[in-house]
Amino acid sequence: MKNLFGILSLVLLIVLSSNVFADQEWSSKVKVGEINAGYKEGFVVFSVLGTLHNPKNCSANMYSVNIGSADVNSVLLLLLSAQTRAADIQVAVDTTKCGQYGHAIVTRIKLLPL
C-alpha cells in the first residue's frame, strides 16, 4: 500500500509539473541585447540579437520578466552573465497573454554553455 501511494504521488507530480509549463514555448538560441531594469513595478525588459519569439503576437519588440511569471532577480542575473560572456540564451514565453506594455512575457530562461 505504501508503494502504491508513492507511485501515485510520483505520477501526480509528473502530470502537475508538466501542466505548470504547458502554456509556454521556447525561443531559438539568441544573444542578449539591451537590458532595462529598475522599474518600480519590479519587472525587467530586454531585447535579443536575433528573432524575438512572440507566439501571442504581442505589440512590443522586447521581452518582459514580471514578478508574477518568473523570478525576476534570477533572470536578471542570467541575462547579465549571458550579455557579459556573449553567450547564447533561450527564452520561454507565455503563449496565452502579453505583458502590461505589450511585451512577450518570460516564464523561464536558459543560459547555454559556450
Protein backbone atom coordinates (compact mmCIF):
# COMPACT_ATOMS: atom_id res chain seq x y z
CA MET A 1 0.00 0.00 0.00
CA LYS A 2 2.86 2.32 0.84
CA ASN A 3 4.48 1.65 -2.57
CA LEU A 4 1.19 2.28 -4.36
CA PHE A 5 0.83 5.63 -2.62
CA GLY A 6 4.42 6.54 -3.59
CA ILE A 7 3.84 5.59 -7.22
CA LEU A 8 0.56 7.52 -7.39
CA SER A 9 2.25 10.55 -5.81
CA LEU A 10 5.06 10.42 -8.38
CA VAL A 11 2.60 10.14 -11.30
CA LEU A 12 0.57 13.06 -9.93
CA LEU A 13 3.71 15.16 -9.52
CA ILE A 14 4.79 14.48 -13.11
CA VAL A 15 1.34 15.33 -14.50
CA LEU A 16 1.01 18.52 -12.48
CA SER A 17 4.53 19.76 -13.20
CA SER A 18 4.07 19.29 -16.95
CA ASN A 19 0.82 21.28 -16.81
CA VAL A 20 2.51 24.15 -14.99
CA PHE A 21 4.63 24.90 -18.06
CA ALA A 22 2.09 23.85 -20.72
CA ASP A 23 1.37 27.45 -21.76
CA GLN A 24 4.94 28.34 -22.71
CA GLU A 25 7.20 27.91 -25.72
CA TRP A 26 10.99 28.18 -26.04
CA SER A 27 12.77 30.53 -28.42
CA SER A 28 15.65 29.55 -30.62
CA LYS A 29 19.19 30.40 -29.45
CA VAL A 30 19.74 34.18 -29.27
CA LYS A 31 22.12 36.65 -27.68
CA VAL A 32 21.06 39.29 -25.15
CA GLY A 33 20.72 42.82 -26.49
CA GLU A 34 19.60 45.75 -24.36
CA ILE A 35 18.57 45.21 -20.71
CA ASN A 36 16.30 47.70 -18.90
CA ALA A 37 15.77 47.32 -15.14
CA GLY A 38 14.87 49.40 -12.11
CA TYR A 39 11.15 49.83 -12.74
CA LYS A 40 9.09 50.46 -9.59
CA GLU A 41 6.80 47.58 -10.56
CA GLY A 42 9.80 45.25 -10.27
CA PHE A 43 9.99 43.97 -13.84
CA VAL A 44 12.87 43.79 -16.34
CA VAL A 45 12.63 44.37 -20.09
CA PHE A 46 15.24 43.12 -22.55
CA SER A 47 15.83 42.70 -26.26
CA VAL A 48 17.68 39.97 -28.11
CA LEU A 49 20.06 39.92 -31.05
CA GLY A 50 18.08 37.55 -33.20
CA THR A 51 14.45 36.68 -33.63
CA LEU A 52 12.11 37.57 -30.78
CA HIS A 53 9.91 34.55 -30.02
CA ASN A 54 6.42 36.03 -29.90
CA PRO A 55 3.72 33.34 -30.31
CA LYS A 56 0.97 35.64 -28.95
CA ASN A 57 1.94 38.44 -31.42
CA CYS A 58 2.50 41.00 -28.67
CA SER A 59 2.99 44.57 -29.91
CA ALA A 60 6.38 45.41 -28.32
CA ASN A 61 9.69 44.12 -29.70
CA MET A 62 11.18 43.21 -26.32
CA TYR A 63 10.65 40.60 -23.61
CA SER A 64 9.27 41.38 -20.16
CA VAL A 65 10.19 39.49 -16.99
CA ASN A 66 7.37 40.04 -14.50
CA ILE A 67 7.16 39.18 -10.81
CA GLY A 68 4.06 37.00 -11.25
CA SER A 69 5.54 34.99 -14.12
CA ALA A 70 9.21 34.40 -13.25
CA ASP A 71 11.90 35.02 -10.65
CA VAL A 72 12.98 38.46 -11.85
CA ASN A 73 16.26 38.58 -9.91
CA SER A 74 17.41 35.17 -11.16
CA VAL A 75 16.57 36.01 -14.76
CA LEU A 76 18.35 39.37 -14.49
CA LEU A 77 21.49 37.65 -13.20
CA LEU A 78 21.41 35.17 -16.09
CA LEU A 79 20.84 37.97 -18.61
CA LEU A 80 23.78 39.98 -17.29
CA SER A 81 26.02 36.92 -17.30
CA ALA A 82 24.98 35.99 -20.83
CA GLN A 83 25.50 39.54 -22.09
CA THR A 84 28.93 39.81 -20.47
CA ARG A 85 30.09 36.46 -21.87
CA ALA A 86 28.30 36.88 -25.25
CA ALA A 87 26.67 33.52 -24.50
CA ASP A 88 23.51 32.22 -26.12
CA ILE A 89 20.25 32.01 -24.22
CA GLN A 90 16.84 30.52 -24.85
CA VAL A 91 13.72 32.24 -23.59
CA ALA A 92 10.45 30.56 -22.61
CA VAL A 93 7.47 32.83 -23.17
CA ASP A 94 3.84 32.68 -22.13
CA THR A 95 1.69 31.69 -25.13
CA THR A 96 -1.59 32.94 -23.63
CA LYS A 97 -1.05 36.64 -22.90
CA CYS A 98 1.10 39.73 -23.42
CA GLY A 99 2.57 41.94 -20.72
CA GLN A 100 1.13 45.22 -19.48
CA TYR A 101 3.06 47.24 -22.08
CA GLY A 102 2.71 44.80 -24.98
CA HIS A 103 5.84 42.70 -24.34
CA ALA A 104 6.09 38.93 -24.66
CA ILE A 105 6.14 37.57 -21.08
CA VAL A 106 9.13 35.48 -19.99
CA THR A 107 8.41 32.42 -17.84
CA ARG A 108 11.92 30.92 -17.75
CA ILE A 109 15.34 31.39 -19.31
CA LYS A 110 18.24 29.10 -20.18
CA LEU A 111 21.85 30.24 -20.21
CA LEU A 112 23.56 27.94 -22.71
CA PRO A 113 27.17 26.79 -22.43
CA LEU A 114 29.84 28.42 -24.58
